Amino acid sequence: IHTPATVVLAGSPVSVSCSIEDDCSLTKGKDFHVAWKIDEHFAPSNLSYQGSNRTYVITIPSLPDAGATIACAVCGKNCQI
C-alpha cells in the first residue's frame, strides 16, 4: 500500500494505492476483486484499476481519523478480512 504522505490529517482527502505483482498466487489465473477496509468498515467500491501496472487506487474524500488503518484485500466471490 502506498500513500503520498506518511501523515494525513483527519477530515482530509487521501488517495491510497495497492499494487499486485503479476505472479501473485492469490490472483494469477483467478477471478478476483480488490476491497478496501478503513478500520473495521469496508470502503465504498469507488476504486479504479490501472491495467498497465496492476495498481488499484481508492480516493477517500474525508479520512475519518488520523490514526485510521487502511487495508487492501484481494477477494474471490466473497470478501472476509
PDB file of N, CA and C in Angstrom:
ATOM      1  N   ILE A   1       0.859  -1.173   0.000  1.00  0.00           N
ATOM      2  CA  ILE A   1       0.000   0.000   0.000  1.00  0.00           C
ATOM      3  C   ILE A   1       0.898   1.226   0.000  1.00  0.00           C
ATOM      4  N   HIS A   2       0.499   2.233  -0.776  1.00  0.00           N
ATOM      5  CA  HIS A   2       1.284   3.457  -0.887  1.00  0.00           C
ATOM      6  C   HIS A   2       0.373   4.664  -0.710  1.00  0.00           C
ATOM      7  N   THR A   3       0.814   5.622   0.080  1.00  0.00           N
ATOM      8  CA  THR A   3       0.156   6.921   0.192  1.00  0.00           C
ATOM      9  C   THR A   3       1.205   7.979  -0.115  1.00  0.00           C
ATOM     10  N   PRO A   4       0.780   9.121  -0.662  1.00  0.00           N
ATOM     11  CA  PRO A   4       1.759  10.153  -0.992  1.00  0.00           C
ATOM     12  C   PRO A   4       2.363  10.830   0.240  1.00  0.00           C
ATOM     13  N   ALA A   5       1.710  10.713   1.398  1.00  0.00           N
ATOM     14  CA  ALA A   5       2.221  11.330   2.622  1.00  0.00           C
ATOM     15  C   ALA A   5       2.202  10.300   3.748  1.00  0.00           C
ATOM     16  N   THR A   6       3.128  10.430   4.685  1.00  0.00           N
ATOM     17  CA  THR A   6       3.151   9.489   5.808  1.00  0.00           C
ATOM     18  C   THR A   6       2.129   9.852   6.871  1.00  0.00           C
ATOM     19  N   VAL A   7       1.737  11.130   6.929  1.00  0.00           N
ATOM     20  CA  VAL A   7       0.739  11.590   7.889  1.00  0.00           C
ATOM     21  C   VAL A   7      -0.344  12.337   7.130  1.00  0.00           C
ATOM     22  N   VAL A   8      -1.610  11.979   7.413  1.00  0.00           N
ATOM     23  CA  VAL A   8      -2.756  12.655   6.805  1.00  0.00           C
ATOM     24  C   VAL A   8      -3.672  13.092   7.937  1.00  0.00           C
ATOM     25  N   LEU A   9      -4.074  14.342   7.931  1.00  0.00           N
ATOM     26  CA  LEU A   9      -4.940  14.862   8.982  1.00  0.00           C
ATOM     27  C   LEU A   9      -6.350  14.314   8.851  1.00  0.00           C
ATOM     28  N   ALA A  10      -7.000  14.085   9.988  1.00  0.00           N
ATOM     29  CA  ALA A  10      -8.394  13.643   9.984  1.00  0.00           C
ATOM     30  C   ALA A  10      -9.233  14.669   9.235  1.00  0.00           C
ATOM     31  N   GLY A  11     -10.156  14.190   8.418  1.00  0.00           N
ATOM     32  CA  GLY A  11     -11.012  15.060   7.625  1.00  0.00           C
ATOM     33  C   GLY A  11     -10.427  15.424   6.276  1.00  0.00           C
ATOM     34  N   SER A  12      -9.167  15.112   6.060  1.00  0.00           N
ATOM     35  CA  SER A  12      -8.514  15.426   4.787  1.00  0.00           C
ATOM     36  C   SER A  12      -8.744  14.313   3.771  1.00  0.00           C
ATOM     37  N   PRO A  13      -8.721  14.661   2.486  1.00  0.00           N
ATOM     38  CA  PRO A  13      -8.809  13.621   1.456  1.00  0.00           C
ATOM     39  C   PRO A  13      -7.465  12.907   1.323  1.00  0.00           C
ATOM     40  N   VAL A  14      -7.522  11.643   0.925  1.00  0.00           N
ATOM     41  CA  VAL A  14      -6.288  10.885   0.714  1.00  0.00           C
ATOM     42  C   VAL A  14      -6.520   9.857  -0.383  1.00  0.00           C
ATOM     43  N   SER A  15      -5.524   9.683  -1.233  1.00  0.00           N
ATOM     44  CA  SER A  15      -5.555   8.623  -2.240  1.00  0.00           C
ATOM     45  C   SER A  15      -4.574   7.550  -1.803  1.00  0.00           C
ATOM     46  N   VAL A  16      -5.014   6.308  -1.906  1.00  0.00           N
ATOM     47  CA  VAL A  16      -4.202   5.175  -1.485  1.00  0.00           C
ATOM     48  C   VAL A  16      -4.145   4.196  -2.642  1.00  0.00           C
ATOM     49  N   SER A  17      -2.973   3.634  -2.886  1.00  0.00           N
ATOM     50  CA  SER A  17      -2.852   2.654  -3.962  1.00  0.00           C
ATOM     51  C   SER A  17      -2.298   1.340  -3.434  1.00  0.00           C
ATOM     52  N   CYS A  18      -2.651   0.282  -4.139  1.00  0.00           N
ATOM     53  CA  CYS A  18      -2.225  -1.067  -3.793  1.00  0.00           C
ATOM     54  C   CYS A  18      -1.804  -1.742  -5.094  1.00  0.00           C
ATOM     55  N   SER A  19      -0.579  -2.222  -5.153  1.00  0.00           N
ATOM     56  CA  SER A  19      -0.077  -2.880  -6.360  1.00  0.00           C
ATOM     57  C   SER A  19      -0.008  -4.385  -6.142  1.00  0.00           C
ATOM     58  N   ILE A  20      -0.401  -5.138  -7.160  1.00  0.00           N
ATOM     59  CA  ILE A  20      -0.384  -6.592  -7.094  1.00  0.00           C
ATOM     60  C   ILE A  20       0.601  -7.098  -8.140  1.00  0.00           C
ATOM     61  N   GLU A  21       1.535  -7.907  -7.718  1.00  0.00           N
ATOM     62  CA  GLU A  21       2.542  -8.462  -8.619  1.00  0.00           C
ATOM     63  C   GLU A  21       1.900  -9.426  -9.614  1.00  0.00           C
ATOM     64  N   ASP A  22       2.466  -9.520 -10.808  1.00  0.00           N
ATOM     65  CA  ASP A  22       1.952 -10.421 -11.842  1.00  0.00           C
ATOM     66  C   ASP A  22       1.918 -11.876 -11.390  1.00  0.00           C
ATOM     67  N   ASP A  23       2.868 -12.278 -10.568  1.00  0.00           N
ATOM     68  CA  ASP A  23       2.942 -13.681 -10.154  1.00  0.00           C
ATOM     69  C   ASP A  23       2.295 -13.957  -8.795  1.00  0.00           C
ATOM     70  N   CYS A  24       1.432 -13.069  -8.328  1.00  0.00           N
ATOM     71  CA  CYS A  24       0.752 -13.255  -7.045  1.00  0.00           C
ATOM     72  C   CYS A  24      -0.145 -14.494  -7.108  1.00  0.00           C
ATOM     73  N   SER A  25       0.038 -15.424  -6.181  1.00  0.00           N
ATOM     74  CA  SER A  25      -0.735 -16.674  -6.189  1.00  0.00           C
ATOM     75  C   SER A  25      -2.214 -16.449  -5.884  1.00  0.00           C
ATOM     76  N   LEU A  26      -2.561 -15.320  -5.279  1.00  0.00           N
ATOM     77  CA  LEU A  26      -3.964 -15.022  -4.981  1.00  0.00           C
ATOM     78  C   LEU A  26      -4.737 -14.562  -6.216  1.00  0.00           C
ATOM     79  N   THR A  27      -4.023 -14.085  -7.238  1.00  0.00           N
ATOM     80  CA  THR A  27      -4.693 -13.511  -8.404  1.00  0.00           C
ATOM     81  C   THR A  27      -4.392 -14.215  -9.719  1.00  0.00           C
ATOM     82  N   LYS A  28      -3.271 -14.882  -9.808  1.00  0.00           N
ATOM     83  CA  LYS A  28      -2.825 -15.469 -11.079  1.00  0.00           C
ATOM     84  C   LYS A  28      -3.838 -16.491 -11.596  1.00  0.00           C
ATOM     85  N   GLY A  29      -4.451 -16.182 -12.750  1.00  0.00           N
ATOM     86  CA  GLY A  29      -5.417 -17.066 -13.384  1.00  0.00           C
ATOM     87  C   GLY A  29      -6.746 -17.161 -12.664  1.00  0.00           C
ATOM     88  N   LYS A  30      -7.049 -16.222 -11.777  1.00  0.00           N
ATOM     89  CA  LYS A  30      -8.279 -16.284 -10.981  1.00  0.00           C
ATOM     90  C   LYS A  30      -9.113 -15.028 -11.169  1.00  0.00           C
ATOM     91  N   ASP A  31     -10.430 -15.188 -10.972  1.00  0.00           N
ATOM     92  CA  ASP A  31     -11.315 -14.030 -10.912  1.00  0.00           C
ATOM     93  C   ASP A  31     -11.196 -13.451  -9.505  1.00  0.00           C
ATOM     94  N   PHE A  32     -10.974 -12.164  -9.427  1.00  0.00           N
ATOM     95  CA  PHE A  32     -10.827 -11.536  -8.113  1.00  0.00           C
ATOM     96  C   PHE A  32     -11.226 -10.073  -8.199  1.00  0.00           C
ATOM     97  N   HIS A  33     -11.418  -9.488  -7.055  1.00  0.00           N
ATOM     98  CA  HIS A  33     -11.583  -8.044  -6.968  1.00  0.00           C
ATOM     99  C   HIS A  33     -10.837  -7.567  -5.725  1.00  0.00           C
ATOM    100  N   VAL A  34     -10.606  -6.285  -5.670  1.00  0.00           N
ATOM    101  CA  VAL A  34      -9.913  -5.696  -4.535  1.00  0.00           C
ATOM    102  C   VAL A  34     -10.934  -4.937  -3.704  1.00  0.00           C
ATOM    103  N   ALA A  35     -10.906  -5.162  -2.403  1.00  0.00           N
ATOM    104  CA  ALA A  35     -11.770  -4.433  -1.474  1.00  0.00           C
ATOM    105  C   ALA A  35     -10.877  -3.646  -0.519  1.00  0.00           C
ATOM    106  N   TRP A  36     -11.384  -2.525  -0.078  1.00  0.00           N
ATOM    107  CA  TRP A  36     -10.646  -1.665   0.839  1.00  0.00           C
ATOM    108  C   TRP A  36     -11.377  -1.617   2.165  1.00  0.00           C
ATOM    109  N   LYS A  37     -10.630  -1.625   3.238  1.00  0.00           N
ATOM    110  CA  LYS A  37     -11.209  -1.540   4.565  1.00  0.00           C
ATOM    111  C   LYS A  37     -10.545  -0.388   5.309  1.00  0.00           C
ATOM    112  N   ILE A  38     -11.368   0.462   5.903  1.00  0.00           N
ATOM    113  CA  ILE A  38     -10.882   1.557   6.736  1.00  0.00           C
ATOM    114  C   ILE A  38     -11.297   1.210   8.159  1.00  0.00           C
ATOM    115  N   ASP A  39     -10.316   0.958   8.998  1.00  0.00           N
ATOM    116  CA  ASP A  39     -10.549   0.425  10.340  1.00  0.00           C
ATOM    117  C   ASP A  39     -11.407  -0.834  10.235  1.00  0.00           C
ATOM    118  N   GLU A  40     -12.592  -0.843  10.776  1.00  0.00           N
ATOM    119  CA  GLU A  40     -13.431  -2.053  10.779  1.00  0.00           C
ATOM    120  C   GLU A  40     -14.512  -2.036   9.703  1.00  0.00           C
ATOM    121  N   HIS A  41     -14.475  -1.083   8.788  1.00  0.00           N
ATOM    122  CA  HIS A  41     -15.554  -0.926   7.807  1.00  0.00           C
ATOM    123  C   HIS A  41     -15.025  -1.007   6.379  1.00  0.00           C
ATOM    124  N   PHE A  42     -15.784  -1.686   5.522  1.00  0.00           N
ATOM    125  CA  PHE A  42     -15.429  -1.708   4.107  1.00  0.00           C
ATOM    126  C   PHE A  42     -15.694  -0.338   3.507  1.00  0.00           C
ATOM    127  N   ALA A  43     -14.801   0.117   2.679  1.00  0.00           N
ATOM    128  CA  ALA A  43     -14.957   1.398   1.992  1.00  0.00           C
ATOM    129  C   ALA A  43     -15.854   1.199   0.774  1.00  0.00           C
ATOM    130  N   PRO A  44     -16.539   2.251   0.324  1.00  0.00           N
ATOM    131  CA  PRO A  44     -17.327   2.146  -0.907  1.00  0.00           C
ATOM    132  C   PRO A  44     -16.436   1.689  -2.065  1.00  0.00           C
ATOM    133  N   SER A  45     -17.018   1.002  -3.002  1.00  0.00           N
ATOM    134  CA  SER A  45     -16.224   0.384  -4.078  1.00  0.00           C
ATOM    135  C   SER A  45     -15.919   1.341  -5.223  1.00  0.00           C
ATOM    136  N   ASN A  46     -15.554   2.564  -4.911  1.00  0.00           N
ATOM    137  CA  ASN A  46     -15.220   3.549  -5.949  1.00  0.00           C
ATOM    138  C   ASN A  46     -13.717   3.554  -6.223  1.00  0.00           C
ATOM    139  N   LEU A  47     -13.190   2.387  -6.559  1.00  0.00           N
ATOM    140  CA  LEU A  47     -11.769   2.320  -6.861  1.00  0.00           C
ATOM    141  C   LEU A  47     -11.562   2.103  -8.343  1.00  0.00           C
ATOM    142  N   SER A  48     -10.409   2.484  -8.818  1.00  0.00           N
ATOM    143  CA  SER A  48     -10.133   2.357 -10.245  1.00  0.00           C
ATOM    144  C   SER A  48      -8.959   1.421 -10.464  1.00  0.00           C
ATOM    145  N   TYR A  49      -8.961   0.763 -11.587  1.00  0.00           N
ATOM    146  CA  TYR A  49      -7.909  -0.187 -11.930  1.00  0.00           C
ATOM    147  C   TYR A  49      -7.078   0.379 -13.065  1.00  0.00           C
ATOM    148  N   GLN A  50      -5.789   0.421 -12.886  1.00  0.00           N
ATOM    149  CA  GLN A  50      -4.883   0.871 -13.933  1.00  0.00           C
ATOM    150  C   GLN A  50      -4.197  -0.364 -14.501  1.00  0.00           C
ATOM    151  N   GLY A  51      -4.690  -0.859 -15.619  1.00  0.00           N
ATOM    152  CA  GLY A  51      -4.240  -2.119 -16.178  1.00  0.00           C
ATOM    153  C   GLY A  51      -2.766  -2.229 -16.484  1.00  0.00           C
ATOM    154  N   SER A  52      -2.109  -1.130 -16.799  1.00  0.00           N
ATOM    155  CA  SER A  52      -0.708  -1.216 -17.205  1.00  0.00           C
ATOM    156  C   SER A  52       0.213  -1.621 -16.064  1.00  0.00           C
ATOM    157  N   ASN A  53      -0.160  -1.303 -14.844  1.00  0.00           N
ATOM    158  CA  ASN A  53       0.728  -1.659 -13.736  1.00  0.00           C
ATOM    159  C   ASN A  53       0.016  -2.386 -12.601  1.00  0.00           C
ATOM    160  N   ARG A  54      -1.186  -2.896 -12.851  1.00  0.00           N
ATOM    161  CA  ARG A  54      -1.944  -3.673 -11.859  1.00  0.00           C
ATOM    162  C   ARG A  54      -2.018  -2.963 -10.509  1.00  0.00           C
ATOM    163  N   THR A  55      -2.313  -1.687 -10.551  1.00  0.00           N
ATOM    164  CA  THR A  55      -2.426  -0.889  -9.342  1.00  0.00           C
ATOM    165  C   THR A  55      -3.874  -0.470  -9.142  1.00  0.00           C
ATOM    166  N   TYR A  56      -4.380  -0.705  -7.942  1.00  0.00           N
ATOM    167  CA  TYR A  56      -5.733  -0.307  -7.575  1.00  0.00           C
ATOM    168  C   TYR A  56      -5.636   0.931  -6.705  1.00  0.00           C
ATOM    169  N   VAL A  57      -6.545   1.870  -6.928  1.00  0.00           N
ATOM    170  CA  VAL A  57      -6.492   3.144  -6.218  1.00  0.00           C
ATOM    171  C   VAL A  57      -7.862   3.460  -5.647  1.00  0.00           C
ATOM    172  N   ILE A  58      -7.881   3.968  -4.430  1.00  0.00           N
ATOM    173  CA  ILE A  58      -9.114   4.484  -3.852  1.00  0.00           C
ATOM    174  C   ILE A  58      -8.825   5.892  -3.347  1.00  0.00           C
ATOM    175  N   THR A  59      -9.783   6.791  -3.553  1.00  0.00           N
ATOM    176  CA  THR A  59      -9.682   8.138  -3.011  1.00  0.00           C
ATOM    177  C   THR A  59     -10.710   8.260  -1.904  1.00  0.00           C
ATOM    178  N   ILE A  60     -10.237   8.516  -0.711  1.00  0.00           N
ATOM    179  CA  ILE A  60     -11.109   8.686   0.446  1.00  0.00           C
ATOM    180  C   ILE A  60     -11.312  10.186   0.607  1.00  0.00           C
ATOM    181  N   PRO A  61     -12.559  10.673   0.421  1.00  0.00           N
ATOM    182  CA  PRO A  61     -12.779  12.122   0.435  1.00  0.00           C
ATOM    183  C   PRO A  61     -12.513  12.775   1.790  1.00  0.00           C
ATOM    184  N   SER A  62     -12.713  12.027   2.869  1.00  0.00           N
ATOM    185  CA  SER A  62     -12.502  12.588   4.198  1.00  0.00           C
ATOM    186  C   SER A  62     -12.059  11.465   5.139  1.00  0.00           C
ATOM    187  N   LEU A  63     -10.784  11.442   5.471  1.00  0.00           N
ATOM    188  CA  LEU A  63     -10.265  10.400   6.356  1.00  0.00           C
ATOM    189  C   LEU A  63     -10.924  10.552   7.726  1.00  0.00           C
ATOM    190  N   PRO A  64     -11.570   9.489   8.241  1.00  0.00           N
ATOM    191  CA  PRO A  64     -12.329   9.621   9.481  1.00  0.00           C
ATOM    192  C   PRO A  64     -11.475   9.887  10.720  1.00  0.00           C
ATOM    193  N   ASP A  65     -10.231   9.421  10.718  1.00  0.00           N
ATOM    194  CA  ASP A  65      -9.393   9.520  11.907  1.00  0.00           C
ATOM    195  C   ASP A  65      -7.934   9.510  11.459  1.00  0.00           C
ATOM    196  N   ALA A  66      -7.130  10.367  12.035  1.00  0.00           N
ATOM    197  CA  ALA A  66      -5.718  10.422  11.647  1.00  0.00           C
ATOM    198  C   ALA A  66      -4.996   9.109  11.938  1.00  0.00           C
ATOM    199  N   GLY A  67      -5.509   8.311  12.851  1.00  0.00           N
ATOM    200  CA  GLY A  67      -4.901   7.025  13.181  1.00  0.00           C
ATOM    201  C   GLY A  67      -5.576   5.858  12.496  1.00  0.00           C
ATOM    202  N   ALA A  68      -6.371   6.132  11.473  1.00  0.00           N
ATOM    203  CA  ALA A  68      -7.116   5.078  10.783  1.00  0.00           C
ATOM    204  C   ALA A  68      -6.173   4.092  10.106  1.00  0.00           C
ATOM    205  N   THR A  69      -6.597   2.837  10.078  1.00  0.00           N
ATOM    206  CA  THR A  69      -5.859   1.789   9.386  1.00  0.00           C
ATOM    207  C   THR A  69      -6.562   1.497   8.076  1.00  0.00           C
ATOM    208  N   ILE A  70      -5.823   1.532   6.978  1.00  0.00           N
ATOM    209  CA  ILE A  70      -6.389   1.265   5.655  1.00  0.00           C
ATOM    210  C   ILE A  70      -5.768  -0.024   5.137  1.00  0.00           C
ATOM    211  N   ALA A  71      -6.633  -0.952   4.708  1.00  0.00           N
ATOM    212  CA  ALA A  71      -6.149  -2.244   4.218  1.00  0.00           C
ATOM    213  C   ALA A  71      -6.695  -2.511   2.829  1.00  0.00           C
ATOM    214  N   CYS A  72      -5.872  -3.145   2.006  1.00  0.00           N
ATOM    215  CA  CYS A  72      -6.233  -3.573   0.660  1.00  0.00           C
ATOM    216  C   CYS A  72      -6.320  -5.094   0.701  1.00  0.00           C
ATOM    217  N   ALA A  73      -7.436  -5.660   0.228  1.00  0.00           N
ATOM    218  CA  ALA A  73      -7.601  -7.114   0.270  1.00  0.00           C
ATOM    219  C   ALA A  73      -7.938  -7.659  -1.106  1.00  0.00           C
ATOM    220  N   VAL A  74      -7.328  -8.777  -1.463  1.00  0.00           N
ATOM    221  CA  VAL A  74      -7.652  -9.490  -2.692  1.00  0.00           C
ATOM    222  C   VAL A  74      -8.748 -10.483  -2.336  1.00  0.00           C
ATOM    223  N   CYS A  75      -9.879 -10.399  -3.046  1.00  0.00           N
ATOM    224  CA  CYS A  75     -11.043 -11.205  -2.696  1.00  0.00           C
ATOM    225  C   CYS A  75     -11.521 -12.038  -3.877  1.00  0.00           C
ATOM    226  N   GLY A  76     -12.046 -13.210  -3.574  1.00  0.00           N
ATOM    227  CA  GLY A  76     -12.722 -14.035  -4.569  1.00  0.00           C
ATOM    228  C   GLY A  76     -14.176 -13.605  -4.630  1.00  0.00           C
ATOM    229  N   LYS A  77     -15.108 -14.560  -4.590  1.00  0.00           N
ATOM    230  CA  LYS A  77     -16.532 -14.220  -4.623  1.00  0.00           C
ATOM    231  C   LYS A  77     -16.932 -13.409  -3.403  1.00  0.00           C
ATOM    232  N   ASN A  78     -16.512 -13.843  -2.245  1.00  0.00           N
ATOM    233  CA  ASN A  78     -16.817 -13.138  -1.005  1.00  0.00           C
ATOM    234  C   ASN A  78     -15.532 -12.566  -0.437  1.00  0.00           C
ATOM    235  N   CYS A  79     -15.688 -11.499   0.302  1.00  0.00           N
ATOM    236  CA  CYS A  79     -14.511 -10.865   0.879  1.00  0.00           C
ATOM    237  C   CYS A  79     -14.656 -10.843   2.391  1.00  0.00           C
ATOM    238  N   GLN A  80     -13.839 -11.619   3.052  1.00  0.00           N
ATOM    239  CA  GLN A  80     -13.854 -11.668   4.505  1.00  0.00           C
ATOM    240  C   GLN A  80     -12.448 -11.407   5.009  1.00  0.00           C
ATOM    241  N   ILE A  81     -12.256 -10.200   5.527  1.00  0.00           N
ATOM    242  CA  ILE A  81     -10.938  -9.869   6.090  1.00  0.00           C
ATOM    243  C   ILE A  81     -11.108  -9.323   7.483  1.00  0.00           C
TER     244      ILE A  81
END
